[in-house]
Amino acid sequence: MMKDYKKEFNTLSRRGFLGKTAAAVAGIAFAAQPLKGAPAIIRNLGKPNSKFNGVQIGAITYSWRSMPGDAESILRYCVESNVSALELMGPTAEAFAGAPHIATQPGERQQLSQEERAARAKEIAAWRASVPMTKFEQLRKMYKDAGVSIYAFKPSALGEHNSDAEVEYALRAAKALGASHVTVEIPRNSLHSKRLGEIANRHKVVVAYHGHLQQTFTAWDEALSQAKYNGINLDAGHYVAAGFDPLPFIEAKHDHIYSMHLKDRKSKANGQANVVWGEGDTPIVEILQLMKKNKYRFPATVELEYPIPEGSDAVKEVAKCVEYCRKALEKTA
């Protein structure tokens, strides 16, 4: 039986945590300016390290969606936030590799007609089918030299409308980036998870299915039964908002979890809101303590979804979440 960390972990209350982490966050941040040579800047600052007591804390690039999302900027955010491992979403990597029509700046997306969207999708699919992996390998090296590994890749190439060639591309790109798995929403159609799993088996790259409020204890069972390389990308915050306790799920299914999103949400009974860490019902501290105790090796991914407070930004808030995790993992059980 685990302790009740909601009561004992008072140092991670909103007032206590935010006040005590301000100095730490300031110590790892530097002025936001465009990178001209990321590795040189990283060498001057020192590399990030978000692995605490054996538990790898990472972040998904979606957390910085309010800011420019090009590869150099994302790398800078990682360093500023002390993030040393990453779930990389498609636009950042694909823009770096030269894909057409990829938006990486806030507000850059265009309003397109259905015909224009179809034409662009066809063009991107053709690009994906023929692009060499050289630029993905280059991106992996740039990040690795800076101290940031890529454990998951989330491109928009794994849906039911995407061809087998696009799925093959996604898995090859993931491997070139150094990722062990790709992530995609749990399909409503089980034939699709079967198709993805069979392709994944050939490439030996896991397809880890992500869930929102449709998550239940058995939500992944069919996909897991279909293919060896089908897996789980749990979202602990959404799981709580759906009305469930993630701790029993993690203990029972940990062998199939390849990464897990962390956020603090209110429970279904309490309104389901995304809130500042420490104010919601997600047992973040208990989850991290469980991972430490049982030596689970899948990363815990910071996903910033609560409203950014006035005067702050996504980089500062991700840094606070990483520091929250560090303090949770240093707590004695």
Protein backbone atom coordinates (compact mmCIF):
# COMPACT_ATOMS: atom_id res chain seq x y z
CA MET A 1 0.00 0.00 0.00
CA MET A 2 1.47 3.36 -1.04
CA LYS A 3 1.45 6.37 1.24
CA ASP A 4 -1.05 9.17 0.78
CA TYR A 5 1.28 11.67 -0.85
CA LYS A 6 -1.55 14.14 -1.38
CA LYS A 7 -1.37 14.75 2.38
CA GLU A 8 2.34 14.24 2.98
CA PHE A 9 3.84 16.00 -0.02
CA ASN A 10 3.10 19.53 1.18
CA THR A 11 6.20 20.97 -0.42
CA LEU A 12 4.52 20.50 -3.80
CA SER A 13 1.49 22.60 -3.03
CA ARG A 14 0.88 25.44 -5.46
CA ARG A 15 2.33 28.14 -3.22
CA GLY A 16 5.18 26.07 -1.86
CA PHE A 17 6.18 24.47 -5.13
CA LEU A 18 5.97 27.54 -7.35
CA GLY A 19 7.85 29.67 -4.88
CA LYS A 20 10.63 27.18 -4.27
CA THR A 21 11.14 26.36 -7.94
CA ALA A 22 11.40 29.96 -9.14
CA ALA A 23 15.13 30.13 -8.45
CA ALA A 24 15.76 26.74 -10.03
CA VAL A 25 13.86 27.68 -13.16
CA ALA A 26 15.70 30.98 -13.42
CA GLY A 27 18.99 29.13 -13.10
CA ILE A 28 18.44 27.01 -16.20
CA ALA A 29 16.72 29.58 -18.40
CA PHE A 30 18.39 32.04 -20.72
CA ALA A 31 17.11 34.85 -22.92
CA ALA A 32 14.93 33.62 -25.78
CA GLN A 33 16.67 34.41 -29.04
CA PRO A 34 17.07 32.55 -32.34
CA LEU A 35 19.74 29.87 -32.37
CA LYS A 36 22.49 30.17 -34.93
CA GLY A 37 24.45 27.14 -33.75
CA ALA A 38 22.59 25.05 -31.19
CA PRO A 39 25.43 22.72 -30.15
CA ALA A 40 27.78 25.65 -29.41
CA ILE A 41 25.17 27.35 -27.24
CA ILE A 42 24.48 24.09 -25.44
CA ARG A 43 28.17 23.60 -24.70
CA ASN A 44 28.26 27.03 -23.07
CA LEU A 45 25.29 26.23 -20.83
CA GLY A 46 25.75 22.58 -20.00
CA LYS A 47 23.43 19.79 -21.04
CA PRO A 48 19.98 19.24 -19.56
CA ASN A 49 19.29 16.22 -17.37
CA SER A 50 15.71 15.27 -16.53
CA LYS A 51 16.37 11.72 -15.36
CA PHE A 52 15.83 11.59 -11.62
CA ASN A 53 16.43 8.52 -9.45
CA GLY A 54 16.20 6.25 -12.48
CA VAL A 55 12.97 7.75 -13.86
CA GLN A 56 13.19 9.53 -17.20
CA ILE A 57 11.10 12.68 -17.36
CA GLY A 58 10.48 13.97 -20.87
CA ALA A 59 8.18 16.39 -22.63
CA ILE A 60 6.06 16.43 -25.76
CA THR A 61 6.68 19.29 -28.15
CA TYR A 62 2.95 20.07 -28.05
CA SER A 63 3.70 21.71 -24.69
CA TRP A 64 5.35 24.61 -26.57
CA ARG A 65 2.57 25.00 -29.16
CA SER A 66 2.18 28.69 -28.26
CA MET A 67 5.74 29.33 -29.45
CA PRO A 68 7.70 28.75 -32.68
CA GLY A 69 8.07 25.02 -33.32
CA ASP A 70 11.08 24.76 -35.63
CA ALA A 71 13.78 22.25 -34.66
CA GLU A 72 16.28 24.80 -33.36
CA SER A 73 13.69 26.56 -31.18
CA ILE A 74 12.41 23.28 -29.74
CA LEU A 75 15.95 22.30 -28.83
CA ARG A 76 16.42 25.62 -27.05
CA TYR A 77 13.18 25.10 -25.12
CA CYS A 78 14.42 21.70 -23.97
CA VAL A 79 17.60 23.21 -22.57
CA GLU A 80 15.74 26.09 -20.91
CA SER A 81 13.25 23.65 -19.36
CA ASN A 82 15.90 21.08 -18.34
CA VAL A 83 14.32 18.44 -20.59
CA SER A 84 16.73 15.74 -21.76
CA ALA A 85 14.23 13.43 -23.51
CA LEU A 86 11.47 14.19 -25.96
CA GLU A 87 8.32 13.04 -27.72
CA LEU A 88 8.72 14.88 -31.01
CA MET A 89 5.63 15.79 -32.99
CA GLY A 90 5.65 15.59 -36.76
CA PRO A 91 5.80 19.23 -37.93
CA THR A 92 9.12 19.98 -36.22
CA ALA A 93 10.94 17.02 -37.75
CA GLU A 94 9.21 17.16 -41.13
CA ALA A 95 9.88 20.87 -41.61
CA PHE A 96 13.54 20.25 -40.77
CA ALA A 97 13.59 17.47 -43.37
CA GLY A 98 12.09 19.73 -46.05
CA ALA A 99 8.45 18.66 -46.20
CA PRO A 100 6.12 20.97 -48.13
CA HIS A 101 3.42 23.08 -46.45
CA ILE A 102 4.49 22.37 -42.84
CA ALA A 103 3.64 25.15 -40.36
CA THR A 104 5.95 25.60 -37.37
CA GLN A 105 4.96 29.12 -36.29
CA PRO A 106 1.93 30.00 -34.14
CA GLY A 107 -0.93 31.22 -36.30
CA GLU A 108 0.76 30.09 -39.50
CA ARG A 109 -1.88 27.57 -40.52
CA GLN A 110 -4.01 28.64 -43.45
CA GLN A 111 -7.72 28.22 -43.99
CA LEU A 112 -7.99 25.88 -46.96
CA SER A 113 -10.83 24.50 -48.99
CA GLN A 114 -11.48 20.77 -49.00
CA GLU A 115 -9.91 20.52 -52.45
CA GLU A 116 -6.80 22.42 -51.33
CA ARG A 117 -6.43 20.20 -48.27
CA ALA A 118 -6.71 17.09 -50.42
CA ALA A 119 -4.09 18.40 -52.87
CA ARG A 120 -1.66 19.21 -50.04
CA ALA A 121 -2.21 15.84 -48.40
CA LYS A 122 -1.38 14.15 -51.69
CA GLU A 123 1.78 16.22 -52.08
CA ILE A 124 2.93 15.48 -48.53
CA ALA A 125 2.20 11.77 -49.00
CA ALA A 126 4.37 11.74 -52.12
CA TRP A 127 7.15 13.51 -50.22
CA ARG A 128 6.94 11.01 -47.36
CA ALA A 129 7.14 8.07 -49.75
CA SER A 130 10.43 9.24 -51.25
CA VAL A 131 12.27 11.32 -48.64
CA PRO A 132 15.65 9.94 -47.53
CA MET A 133 16.28 9.58 -43.80
CA THR A 134 19.43 11.73 -43.86
CA LYS A 135 17.83 14.86 -42.36
CA PHE A 136 16.10 12.87 -39.62
CA GLU A 137 19.45 11.35 -38.70
CA GLN A 138 20.98 14.83 -38.71
CA LEU A 139 18.26 16.08 -36.39
CA ARG A 140 18.83 13.16 -34.04
CA LYS A 141 22.55 13.96 -33.90
CA MET A 142 21.98 17.68 -33.30
CA TYR A 143 19.69 16.89 -30.39
CA LYS A 144 21.92 14.13 -29.03
CA ASP A 145 24.98 16.42 -29.10
CA ALA A 146 22.96 18.90 -27.05
CA GLY A 147 22.00 16.23 -24.50
CA VAL A 148 18.44 15.56 -25.69
CA SER A 149 17.26 12.12 -26.82
CA ILE A 150 14.10 11.45 -28.84
CA TYR A 151 12.13 8.48 -27.53
CA ALA A 152 8.86 8.91 -29.45
CA PHE A 153 7.73 10.40 -32.77
CA LYS A 154 4.16 11.59 -33.41
CA PRO A 155 3.60 12.44 -37.09
CA SER A 156 0.20 12.85 -38.73
CA ALA A 157 0.95 9.85 -40.94
CA LEU A 158 -0.69 7.04 -39.01
CA GLY A 159 -4.40 7.62 -39.55
CA GLU A 160 -6.89 5.49 -41.40
CA HIS A 161 -6.64 7.84 -44.41
CA ASN A 162 -2.85 7.45 -44.59
CA SER A 163 -1.41 4.89 -46.98
CA ASP A 164 0.78 1.97 -45.97
CA ALA A 165 3.67 3.86 -47.56
CA GLU A 166 3.10 6.78 -45.16
CA VAL A 167 2.96 4.43 -42.18
CA GLU A 168 6.20 2.82 -43.36
CA TYR A 169 7.71 6.30 -43.64
CA ALA A 170 6.68 7.16 -40.06
CA LEU A 171 8.36 4.07 -38.67
CA ARG A 172 11.54 4.58 -40.69
CA ALA A 173 11.69 8.21 -39.56
CA ALA A 174 11.15 7.20 -35.93
CA LYS A 175 14.05 4.77 -36.17
CA ALA A 176 16.26 7.43 -37.79
CA LEU A 177 15.39 9.84 -34.97
CA GLY A 178 16.35 7.23 -32.36
CA ALA A 179 12.78 6.71 -31.16
CA SER A 180 11.59 3.33 -29.93
CA HIS A 181 7.97 4.08 -30.80
CA VAL A 182 5.50 6.27 -32.62
CA THR A 183 2.34 7.55 -30.97
CA VAL A 184 -1.18 7.89 -32.35
CA GLU A 185 -4.70 8.03 -30.96
CA ILE A 186 -6.37 4.69 -30.17
CA PRO A 187 -8.27 3.84 -33.39
CA ARG A 188 -12.03 3.49 -33.25
CA ASN A 189 -11.74 0.81 -35.91
CA SER A 190 -9.85 -2.24 -34.65
CA LEU A 191 -8.92 -3.16 -38.21
CA HIS A 192 -6.73 -0.07 -38.28
CA SER A 193 -4.76 -1.01 -35.16
CA LYS A 194 -4.32 -4.46 -36.71
CA ARG A 195 -2.94 -2.89 -39.89
CA LEU A 196 -0.59 -0.59 -37.98
CA GLY A 197 0.56 -3.44 -35.76
CA GLU A 198 1.37 -5.70 -38.67
CA ILE A 199 3.46 -2.98 -40.32
CA ALA A 200 5.12 -2.23 -36.98
CA ASN A 201 6.03 -5.90 -36.57
CA ARG A 202 7.95 -5.76 -39.84
CA HIS A 203 9.88 -2.65 -38.83
CA LYS A 204 10.29 -3.55 -35.16
CA VAL A 205 9.17 -0.08 -34.10
CA VAL A 206 6.28 0.05 -31.62
CA VAL A 207 3.01 1.85 -32.34
CA ALA A 208 1.94 3.16 -28.90
CA TYR A 209 -1.71 4.20 -28.79
CA HIS A 210 -2.64 7.39 -26.95
CA GLY A 211 -5.92 7.91 -25.15
CA HIS A 212 -8.10 10.81 -24.08
CA LEU A 213 -11.41 10.40 -22.26
CA GLN A 214 -12.09 7.09 -24.02
CA GLN A 215 -9.42 5.45 -21.85
CA THR A 216 -10.53 2.55 -19.67
CA PHE A 217 -8.71 -0.37 -18.07
CA THR A 218 -9.41 -2.53 -21.13
CA ALA A 219 -9.20 0.12 -23.87
CA TRP A 220 -5.93 -1.23 -25.28
CA ASP A 221 -6.58 -4.95 -24.90
CA GLU A 222 -7.66 -5.64 -28.46
CA ALA A 223 -4.76 -3.73 -30.02
CA LEU A 224 -2.29 -5.48 -27.74
CA SER A 225 -3.66 -8.86 -28.78
CA GLN A 226 -3.28 -8.03 -32.48
CA ALA A 227 0.46 -7.44 -32.76
CA LYS A 228 3.65 -7.74 -30.76
CA TYR A 229 4.62 -4.18 -31.66
CA ASN A 230 1.35 -2.57 -30.58
CA GLY A 231 1.72 -0.78 -27.25
CA ILE A 232 0.37 1.85 -24.87
CA ASN A 233 0.94 5.60 -24.60
CA LEU A 234 -1.08 6.22 -21.43
CA ASP A 235 -2.29 9.69 -20.52
CA ALA A 236 -2.58 9.66 -16.74
CA GLY A 237 -4.35 13.02 -16.57
CA HIS A 238 -7.01 12.13 -19.11
CA TYR A 239 -7.42 8.75 -17.38
CA VAL A 240 -8.27 10.54 -14.13
CA ALA A 241 -10.64 12.90 -15.95
CA ALA A 242 -12.37 9.84 -17.43
CA GLY A 243 -13.11 8.72 -13.87
CA PHE A 244 -10.40 6.17 -13.14
CA ASP A 245 -7.33 5.69 -10.93
CA PRO A 246 -4.20 5.24 -13.09
CA LEU A 247 -2.10 3.50 -10.42
CA PRO A 248 -3.67 0.02 -10.77
CA PHE A 249 -3.55 0.35 -14.55
CA ILE A 250 0.16 1.20 -14.52
CA GLU A 251 0.98 -1.70 -12.22
CA ALA A 252 -1.02 -4.16 -14.33
CA LYS A 253 0.00 -2.95 -17.81
CA HIS A 254 3.51 -1.56 -17.30
CA ASP A 255 5.08 -4.13 -19.61
CA HIS A 256 3.08 -2.66 -22.51
CA ILE A 257 3.53 1.04 -21.66
CA TYR A 258 6.19 2.71 -23.82
CA SER A 259 5.60 6.26 -22.59
CA MET A 260 3.06 8.06 -20.42
CA HIS A 261 1.75 11.63 -20.54
CA LEU A 262 1.62 13.52 -17.26
CA LYS A 263 -0.71 16.42 -16.57
CA ASP A 264 -2.86 17.41 -13.62
CA ARG A 265 -6.59 17.23 -14.26
CA LYS A 266 -9.60 17.29 -12.04
CA SER A 267 -11.49 14.02 -11.81
CA LYS A 268 -14.74 13.39 -13.65
CA ALA A 269 -16.66 14.16 -10.46
CA ASN A 270 -14.76 17.44 -9.98
CA GLY A 271 -15.19 18.90 -13.47
CA GLN A 272 -12.22 17.50 -15.43
CA ALA A 273 -10.34 20.83 -15.78
CA ASN A 274 -6.64 21.00 -16.63
CA VAL A 275 -4.95 22.77 -13.72
CA VAL A 276 -1.53 23.78 -12.40
CA TRP A 277 0.28 20.74 -11.08
CA GLY A 278 -0.59 20.09 -7.46
CA GLU A 279 -4.12 21.51 -7.73
CA GLY A 280 -5.82 18.59 -9.50
CA ASP A 281 -6.69 14.97 -8.85
CA THR A 282 -3.99 13.22 -10.91
CA PRO A 283 -1.75 11.36 -8.44
CA ILE A 284 1.45 12.59 -10.10
CA VAL A 285 3.64 12.11 -7.06
CA GLU A 286 2.33 8.62 -6.40
CA ILE A 287 2.79 7.66 -10.05
CA LEU A 288 6.40 8.81 -10.07
CA GLN A 289 7.09 7.11 -6.75
CA LEU A 290 5.62 3.90 -8.17
CA MET A 291 7.86 4.18 -11.24
CA LYS A 292 10.90 4.69 -9.03
CA LYS A 293 10.00 1.88 -6.65
CA ASN A 294 9.32 -0.68 -9.40
CA LYS A 295 12.09 0.57 -11.71
CA TYR A 296 9.78 1.14 -14.66
CA ARG A 297 11.84 2.32 -17.61
CA PHE A 298 9.22 4.02 -19.79
CA PRO A 299 9.45 7.84 -19.82
CA ALA A 300 6.95 10.11 -18.11
CA THR A 301 6.12 12.90 -20.56
CA VAL A 302 5.25 16.39 -19.39
CA GLU A 303 2.31 17.68 -21.43
CA LEU A 304 1.52 21.29 -20.61
CA GLU A 305 -2.24 21.78 -20.96
CA TYR A 306 -3.26 24.14 -18.16
CA PRO A 307 -3.66 27.84 -19.05
CA ILE A 308 -0.32 29.67 -18.94
CA PRO A 309 -0.40 32.28 -16.14
CA GLU A 310 -0.03 35.94 -17.05
CA GLY A 311 3.62 36.94 -17.16
CA SER A 312 4.85 33.42 -17.82
CA ASP A 313 5.33 31.33 -20.95
CA ALA A 314 5.35 27.67 -21.97
CA VAL A 315 9.08 27.25 -21.41
CA LYS A 316 8.88 28.48 -17.84
CA GLU A 317 5.82 26.35 -17.10
CA VAL A 318 7.39 23.17 -18.52
CA ALA A 319 10.47 23.88 -16.40
CA LYS A 320 8.22 24.10 -13.32
CA CYS A 321 6.63 20.76 -14.21
CA VAL A 322 10.04 19.11 -14.62
CA GLU A 323 11.11 20.52 -11.27
CA TYR A 324 7.88 19.18 -9.74
CA CYS A 325 8.86 15.73 -10.98
CA ARG A 326 12.38 16.06 -9.61
CA LYS A 327 11.09 16.94 -6.17
CA ALA A 328 8.54 14.11 -6.30
CA LEU A 329 11.25 11.58 -7.15
CA GLU A 330 13.57 12.81 -4.43
CA LYS A 331 10.84 12.38 -1.82
CA THR A 332 11.51 9.42 0.46
CA ALA A 333 8.78 6.79 0.29
